Amino acid sequence: MDLLRLLHRHSHYGYTQHPHEAMTDEPEAVDHDTQQRLTHEAQLRHTQRQRELWHATRARLLNELDLAHHHFGTQVVNELRAIRREIDRINRKLAS
């Protein structure tokens, strides 16, 4: 039998099994396993959103570097190459 998971009336205690310590008229919290699953799913969604954001940001940055190379060419080729290396380093860091 699962124990009650009631929201404690003092939030710093989290949950309680005792109705007299719980917030009035609050429904029982989901069981621990369901809470763990929901938390894991939320973390996966966050990670996916972060990857998508970086992918779009990286594409914009590389596009801007291509434009700079087109406009300024040999004047800044070494600097642009250095920036690309940094973008690649960031990409590896965020991929891990």
Protein backbone atom coordinates (compact mmCIF):
# COMPACT_ATOMS: atom_id res chain seq x y z
CA MET A 1 0.00 0.00 0.00
CA ASP A 2 1.31 3.44 -0.97
CA LEU A 3 1.73 6.06 1.71
CA LEU A 4 -0.19 9.30 1.47
CA ARG A 5 1.68 12.16 -0.20
CA LEU A 6 0.01 15.32 0.99
CA LEU A 7 1.49 18.79 0.57
CA HIS A 8 2.63 19.96 3.99
CA ARG A 9 1.13 23.26 5.14
CA HIS A 10 4.70 24.52 5.74
CA SER A 11 6.39 24.28 2.35
CA HIS A 12 9.89 23.73 3.72
CA TYR A 13 8.72 20.27 4.85
CA GLY A 14 7.59 19.22 1.38
CA TYR A 15 5.14 16.36 1.79
CA THR A 16 3.54 14.64 4.75
CA GLN A 17 1.65 11.42 5.38
CA HIS A 18 -0.42 13.01 8.11
CA PRO A 19 -3.63 14.81 7.10
CA HIS A 20 -3.52 17.10 10.15
CA GLU A 21 -0.14 18.51 8.92
CA ALA A 22 -1.31 18.94 5.35
CA MET A 23 -2.69 21.96 3.56
CA THR A 24 -6.45 22.15 3.75
CA ASP A 25 -8.44 21.09 0.67
CA GLU A 26 -5.36 20.17 -1.38
CA PRO A 27 -5.53 16.96 -3.37
CA GLU A 28 -3.05 14.19 -2.76
CA ALA A 29 0.18 14.52 -4.72
CA VAL A 30 1.07 11.99 -7.38
CA ASP A 31 3.00 8.97 -6.16
CA HIS A 32 6.78 9.10 -6.00
CA ASP A 33 7.37 7.02 -9.15
CA THR A 34 5.00 9.18 -11.19
CA GLN A 35 6.72 12.32 -9.88
CA GLN A 36 10.11 10.89 -10.85
CA ARG A 37 8.84 10.04 -14.34
CA LEU A 38 7.32 13.51 -14.82
CA THR A 39 10.53 15.16 -13.67
CA HIS A 40 12.61 13.01 -16.03
CA GLU A 41 10.32 13.80 -18.97
CA ALA A 42 10.54 17.53 -18.21
CA GLN A 43 14.33 17.32 -18.11
CA LEU A 44 14.36 15.55 -21.49
CA ARG A 45 12.13 18.24 -23.01
CA HIS A 46 14.39 20.97 -21.62
CA THR A 47 17.50 19.28 -23.03
CA GLN A 48 15.84 18.93 -26.43
CA ARG A 49 14.82 22.61 -26.44
CA GLN A 50 18.39 23.59 -25.53
CA ARG A 51 19.77 21.49 -28.40
CA GLU A 52 17.32 23.04 -30.85
CA LEU A 53 18.19 26.54 -29.65
CA TRP A 54 21.92 25.91 -30.03
CA HIS A 55 21.43 24.36 -33.48
CA ALA A 56 19.58 27.48 -34.67
CA THR A 57 22.06 29.84 -33.00
CA ARG A 58 25.04 28.00 -34.48
CA ALA A 59 23.51 28.14 -37.96
CA ARG A 60 23.01 31.93 -37.65
CA LEU A 61 26.56 32.44 -36.41
CA LEU A 62 28.06 30.39 -39.24
CA ASN A 63 25.95 32.26 -41.75
CA GLU A 64 27.22 35.58 -40.40
CA LEU A 65 30.80 34.33 -40.62
CA ASP A 66 30.22 33.35 -44.26
CA LEU A 67 28.91 36.85 -44.95
CA ALA A 68 31.89 38.45 -43.22
CA HIS A 69 34.26 36.28 -45.26
CA HIS A 70 32.43 37.25 -48.45
CA HIS A 71 32.66 40.97 -47.66
CA PHE A 72 36.11 41.19 -46.07
CA GLY A 73 37.88 38.08 -47.39
CA THR A 74 41.60 37.87 -46.77
CA GLN A 75 41.64 40.86 -44.43
CA VAL A 76 40.04 38.81 -41.65
CA VAL A 77 40.36 35.18 -42.75
CA ASN A 78 42.51 34.16 -39.75
CA GLU A 79 40.17 35.81 -37.27
CA LEU A 80 37.12 34.22 -38.86
CA ARG A 81 38.82 30.83 -38.73
CA ALA A 82 39.50 31.37 -35.02
CA ILE A 83 35.86 32.23 -34.42
CA ARG A 84 34.79 29.06 -36.27
CA ARG A 85 37.10 27.01 -34.04
CA GLU A 86 35.47 28.57 -30.97
CA ILE A 87 32.01 27.78 -32.33
CA ASP A 88 33.15 24.19 -32.92
CA ARG A 89 34.49 24.05 -29.35
CA ILE A 90 31.17 25.31 -27.99
CA ASN A 91 29.37 22.78 -30.18
CA ARG A 92 31.42 19.90 -28.72
CA LYS A 93 30.84 21.20 -25.20
CA LEU A 94 27.08 21.42 -25.65
CA ALA A 95 26.92 18.03 -27.37
CA SER A 96 28.38 16.26 -24.34
